[in-house]
Amino acid sequence: EESLDALEKDTVFADMLGEEFVKAYTTMRWNEVTRFRSHITDWEKQEYLEIY
């Protein structure tokens, strides 16, 4: 996440790769981070759902 924040602020990479590419790449990766965070693992299901 810190690397995505840094990439979004880095003008050198934006100049080299193009702002459109950096925007598309970081958007894709932020979506991936969101999906990863929202995924409930088998361990979490077993640990927390069996209580209720």
C-alpha atoms as a PDB file:
ATOM      1  CA  GLU A   1       0.000   0.000   0.000  1.00  0.00           C
ATOM      2  CA  GLU A   2       2.843   2.357   0.794  1.00  0.00           C
ATOM      3  CA  SER A   3       4.383   1.547  -2.561  1.00  0.00           C
ATOM      4  CA  LEU A   4       1.130   2.384  -4.358  1.00  0.00           C
ATOM      5  CA  ASP A   5       0.917   5.682  -2.497  1.00  0.00           C
ATOM      6  CA  ALA A   6       4.511   6.438  -3.479  1.00  0.00           C
ATOM      7  CA  LEU A   7       3.938   5.506  -7.118  1.00  0.00           C
ATOM      8  CA  GLU A   8       0.885   7.750  -7.332  1.00  0.00           C
ATOM      9  CA  LYS A   9       2.994  10.685  -6.114  1.00  0.00           C
ATOM     10  CA  ASP A  10       6.108   9.902  -8.189  1.00  0.00           C
ATOM     11  CA  THR A  11       6.343  12.265 -11.140  1.00  0.00           C
ATOM     12  CA  VAL A  12       9.444  10.538 -12.550  1.00  0.00           C
ATOM     13  CA  PHE A  13       7.583   7.271 -13.142  1.00  0.00           C
ATOM     14  CA  ALA A  14       4.565   9.140 -14.470  1.00  0.00           C
ATOM     15  CA  ASP A  15       6.831  10.887 -16.978  1.00  0.00           C
ATOM     16  CA  MET A  16       8.538   7.615 -17.974  1.00  0.00           C
ATOM     17  CA  LEU A  17       5.496   5.345 -18.134  1.00  0.00           C
ATOM     18  CA  GLY A  18       2.772   7.864 -18.791  1.00  0.00           C
ATOM     19  CA  GLU A  19       0.204   9.191 -16.372  1.00  0.00           C
ATOM     20  CA  GLU A  20      -2.539   7.073 -17.924  1.00  0.00           C
ATOM     21  CA  PHE A  21      -0.570   3.853 -17.359  1.00  0.00           C
ATOM     22  CA  VAL A  22       0.276   4.751 -13.760  1.00  0.00           C
ATOM     23  CA  LYS A  23      -3.376   5.606 -13.079  1.00  0.00           C
ATOM     24  CA  ALA A  24      -4.616   2.338 -14.625  1.00  0.00           C
ATOM     25  CA  TYR A  25      -1.983   0.254 -12.823  1.00  0.00           C
ATOM     26  CA  THR A  26      -2.557   1.792  -9.400  1.00  0.00           C
ATOM     27  CA  THR A  27      -6.340   1.555  -9.793  1.00  0.00           C
ATOM     28  CA  MET A  28      -6.024  -2.141 -10.613  1.00  0.00           C
ATOM     29  CA  ARG A  29      -3.720  -2.754  -7.663  1.00  0.00           C
ATOM     30  CA  TRP A  30      -5.930  -0.786  -5.214  1.00  0.00           C
ATOM     31  CA  ASN A  31      -8.864  -2.944  -6.325  1.00  0.00           C
ATOM     32  CA  GLU A  32      -6.746  -6.017  -5.637  1.00  0.00           C
ATOM     33  CA  VAL A  33      -5.884  -4.726  -2.158  1.00  0.00           C
ATOM     34  CA  THR A  34      -9.572  -4.142  -1.445  1.00  0.00           C
ATOM     35  CA  ARG A  35     -10.499  -7.661  -2.574  1.00  0.00           C
ATOM     36  CA  PHE A  36      -7.660  -9.151  -0.508  1.00  0.00           C
ATOM     37  CA  ARG A  37      -8.744  -7.297   2.625  1.00  0.00           C
ATOM     38  CA  SER A  38     -12.377  -8.338   2.225  1.00  0.00           C
ATOM     39  CA  HIS A  39     -11.610 -12.041   1.733  1.00  0.00           C
ATOM     40  CA  ILE A  40     -12.504 -14.174   4.716  1.00  0.00           C
ATOM     41  CA  THR A  41      -9.987 -16.953   5.183  1.00  0.00           C
ATOM     42  CA  ASP A  42     -10.841 -20.495   6.231  1.00  0.00           C
ATOM     43  CA  TRP A  43      -9.058 -19.838   9.521  1.00  0.00           C
ATOM     44  CA  GLU A  44     -11.223 -16.774  10.222  1.00  0.00           C
ATOM     45  CA  LYS A  45     -14.376 -18.721   9.432  1.00  0.00           C
ATOM     46  CA  GLN A  46     -13.357 -21.530  11.736  1.00  0.00           C
ATOM     47  CA  GLU A  47     -12.089 -19.248  14.481  1.00  0.00           C
ATOM     48  CA  TYR A  48     -14.929 -16.740  14.615  1.00  0.00           C
ATOM     49  CA  LEU A  49     -18.027 -18.233  13.038  1.00  0.00           C
ATOM     50  CA  GLU A  50     -18.069 -21.343  15.190  1.00  0.00           C
ATOM     51  CA  ILE A  51     -18.449 -19.147  18.268  1.00  0.00           C
ATOM     52  CA  TYR A  52     -21.836 -17.972  17.069  1.00  0.00           C
END
